[in-house]
């Protein structure tokens, strides 16, 4: 089962990265009418939340570059940014290395109790594996948002 989760993380991440292959820097910052965020925000948010769900909840040190919490944490939006966010290429590079780091760090630790259990709605996430499987849903949701934004801005 461990390998299945890591393979799904790789698959989902590949889909997220593929969804932005031909997006320009300018397009990445367009916020479609009726929405609060952009393609760039969604990519950074995927990275930031995955760092929190995979590493911070397990008691590991997340790798969040300076500014990522302010730009991409839950509840943030580009309208509130006071500094320039990372380029798409930087986000893609971080996203590419992240899944390998997750696999390396947690390959035999999916049943480990979380250092910081979290309840979202009716579900409480109590193990590393539970957080990682929720990350699959979270990333898929934001990847689909990116795909919808692309259609709206083209």
Protein backbone atom coordinates (compact mmCIF):
# COMPACT_ATOMS: atom_id res chain seq x y z
CA UNK A 1 0.00 0.00 0.00
CA UNK A 2 2.90 2.38 0.69
CA UNK A 3 4.08 2.23 -2.91
CA UNK A 4 0.54 2.82 -4.17
CA UNK A 5 0.25 6.08 -2.24
CA UNK A 6 3.62 7.32 -3.45
CA UNK A 7 2.78 6.35 -7.04
CA UNK A 8 -0.49 8.25 -6.78
CA UNK A 9 1.37 11.29 -5.43
CA UNK A 10 3.70 11.11 -8.44
CA UNK A 11 0.76 10.72 -10.83
CA UNK A 12 -1.16 13.64 -9.32
CA UNK A 13 1.90 15.85 -9.32
CA UNK A 14 2.61 14.99 -12.93
CA UNK A 15 -0.93 16.04 -13.82
CA UNK A 16 -0.56 19.33 -11.94
CA UNK A 17 2.71 20.14 -13.67
CA UNK A 18 1.38 19.11 -17.09
CA UNK A 19 -1.59 21.44 -16.60
CA UNK A 20 0.74 24.47 -16.57
CA UNK A 21 3.21 23.44 -19.29
CA UNK A 22 2.14 26.13 -21.75
CA UNK A 23 0.97 28.78 -19.30
CA UNK A 24 2.85 32.08 -19.56
CA UNK A 25 3.93 34.18 -16.58
CA UNK A 26 1.26 36.72 -17.55
CA UNK A 27 -1.49 34.10 -17.81
CA UNK A 28 -0.45 32.64 -14.45
CA UNK A 29 -1.51 35.87 -12.74
CA UNK A 30 -4.91 36.37 -14.36
CA UNK A 31 -7.73 35.99 -11.89
CA UNK A 32 -10.90 34.95 -13.72
CA UNK A 33 -13.98 37.00 -12.98
CA UNK A 34 -15.78 35.75 -9.90
CA UNK A 35 -12.68 34.07 -8.43
CA UNK A 36 -10.12 35.20 -5.86
CA UNK A 37 -7.01 33.36 -7.00
CA UNK A 38 -4.81 32.69 -10.02
CA UNK A 39 -3.01 29.74 -11.58
CA UNK A 40 0.22 30.83 -9.84
CA UNK A 41 -1.57 30.93 -6.49
CA UNK A 42 -3.01 27.44 -7.01
CA UNK A 43 0.44 25.99 -7.81
CA UNK A 44 2.05 27.64 -4.81
CA UNK A 45 -0.85 26.58 -2.63
CA UNK A 46 -0.45 22.94 -3.69
CA UNK A 47 3.22 23.07 -2.68
CA UNK A 48 2.61 24.93 0.59
CA UNK A 49 -0.25 22.75 1.83
CA UNK A 50 1.57 19.56 0.85
CA UNK A 51 4.59 20.70 2.88
CA UNK A 52 2.31 21.30 5.84
CA UNK A 53 0.35 18.05 5.46
CA UNK A 54 3.34 15.84 4.73
CA UNK A 55 6.11 17.32 6.84
CA UNK A 56 4.82 19.69 9.51
CA UNK A 57 2.08 17.35 10.70
CA UNK A 58 4.65 14.55 11.04
CA UNK A 59 6.90 16.72 13.19
CA UNK A 60 9.39 17.26 10.34
CA UNK A 61 10.66 20.65 9.24
CA UNK A 62 8.75 21.79 6.13
CA UNK A 63 10.74 23.46 3.34
CA UNK A 64 8.79 26.63 2.79
CA UNK A 65 10.79 29.35 1.05
CA UNK A 66 10.46 32.83 2.48
CA UNK A 67 7.14 34.40 1.58
CA UNK A 68 5.27 31.19 0.79
CA UNK A 69 3.02 31.38 3.86
CA UNK A 70 2.02 34.95 3.00
CA UNK A 71 1.46 34.18 -0.68
CA UNK A 72 0.00 30.68 -0.69
CA UNK A 73 -1.41 29.59 2.69
CA UNK A 74 -5.11 28.85 2.99
CA UNK A 75 -7.06 32.09 3.00
CA UNK A 76 -4.46 34.13 1.10
CA UNK A 77 -5.03 35.71 -2.30
CA UNK A 78 -2.96 37.60 -4.87
CA UNK A 79 -4.86 40.84 -4.20
CA UNK A 80 -3.15 40.94 -0.79
CA UNK A 81 0.41 40.26 -2.01
CA UNK A 82 2.90 42.98 -1.12
CA UNK A 83 5.93 41.40 -2.81
CA UNK A 84 6.65 39.55 -6.03
CA UNK A 85 5.84 35.80 -5.87
CA UNK A 86 8.09 33.13 -7.38
CA UNK A 87 8.28 32.48 -11.11
CA UNK A 88 6.42 29.52 -12.58
CA UNK A 89 9.74 27.79 -13.21
CA UNK A 90 10.66 28.04 -9.53
CA UNK A 91 7.28 26.68 -8.47
CA UNK A 92 7.58 23.81 -10.96
CA UNK A 93 11.06 22.94 -9.67
CA UNK A 94 9.88 22.91 -6.06
CA UNK A 95 6.86 20.79 -6.96
CA UNK A 96 9.01 18.31 -8.90
CA UNK A 97 11.41 17.69 -6.04
CA UNK A 98 8.74 17.59 -3.36
CA UNK A 99 7.24 14.19 -4.16
CA UNK A 100 10.68 12.52 -4.24
CA UNK A 101 11.44 14.07 -0.84
CA UNK A 102 8.12 12.82 0.53
CA UNK A 103 8.83 9.30 -0.72
CA UNK A 104 12.35 9.36 0.73
CA UNK A 105 11.25 10.73 4.10
CA UNK A 106 8.12 8.65 4.65
CA UNK A 107 8.67 5.39 2.75
CA UNK A 108 8.28 3.32 5.93
CA UNK A 109 6.39 5.80 8.08
CA UNK A 110 2.86 6.01 6.65
CA UNK A 111 1.37 4.44 9.78
CA UNK A 112 3.26 6.82 12.06
CA UNK A 113 1.01 8.87 14.32
CA UNK A 114 0.90 12.51 13.34
CA UNK A 115 2.55 14.98 15.68
CA UNK A 116 -0.37 17.30 14.93
CA UNK A 117 -3.67 15.50 14.18
CA UNK A 118 -6.17 17.66 12.33
CA UNK A 119 -9.93 17.53 11.91
CA UNK A 120 -11.40 18.81 8.66
CA UNK A 121 -15.16 18.45 8.56
CA UNK A 122 -16.13 14.99 9.79
CA UNK A 123 -12.65 13.47 9.32
CA UNK A 124 -9.69 13.50 11.68
CA UNK A 125 -6.30 12.84 10.11
CA UNK A 126 -4.10 11.03 12.61
CA UNK A 127 -1.29 9.39 10.61
CA UNK A 128 1.22 10.43 7.99
CA UNK A 129 -0.55 8.22 5.44
CA UNK A 130 -3.92 9.80 6.16
CA UNK A 131 -2.49 13.26 5.55
CA UNK A 132 -0.82 12.11 2.33
CA UNK A 133 -4.00 10.55 0.98
CA UNK A 134 -5.90 13.76 1.76
CA UNK A 135 -3.17 15.63 -0.12
CA UNK A 136 -4.12 13.61 -3.20
CA UNK A 137 -7.67 14.95 -3.03
CA UNK A 138 -6.47 18.48 -2.29
CA UNK A 139 -4.00 18.53 -5.18
CA UNK A 140 -6.53 17.06 -7.61
CA UNK A 141 -9.04 19.73 -6.66
CA UNK A 142 -6.54 22.53 -7.30
CA UNK A 143 -5.27 20.94 -10.51
CA UNK A 144 -8.84 20.90 -11.80
CA UNK A 145 -9.18 24.57 -10.81
CA UNK A 146 -6.04 25.36 -12.84
CA UNK A 147 -7.53 23.56 -15.85
CA UNK A 148 -10.78 25.52 -15.49
CA UNK A 149 -8.91 28.83 -15.19
CA UNK A 150 -6.97 28.03 -18.37
CA UNK A 151 -10.23 27.64 -20.26
CA UNK A 152 -11.60 30.87 -18.81
CA UNK A 153 -8.56 32.99 -19.63
CA UNK A 154 -7.80 31.72 -23.16
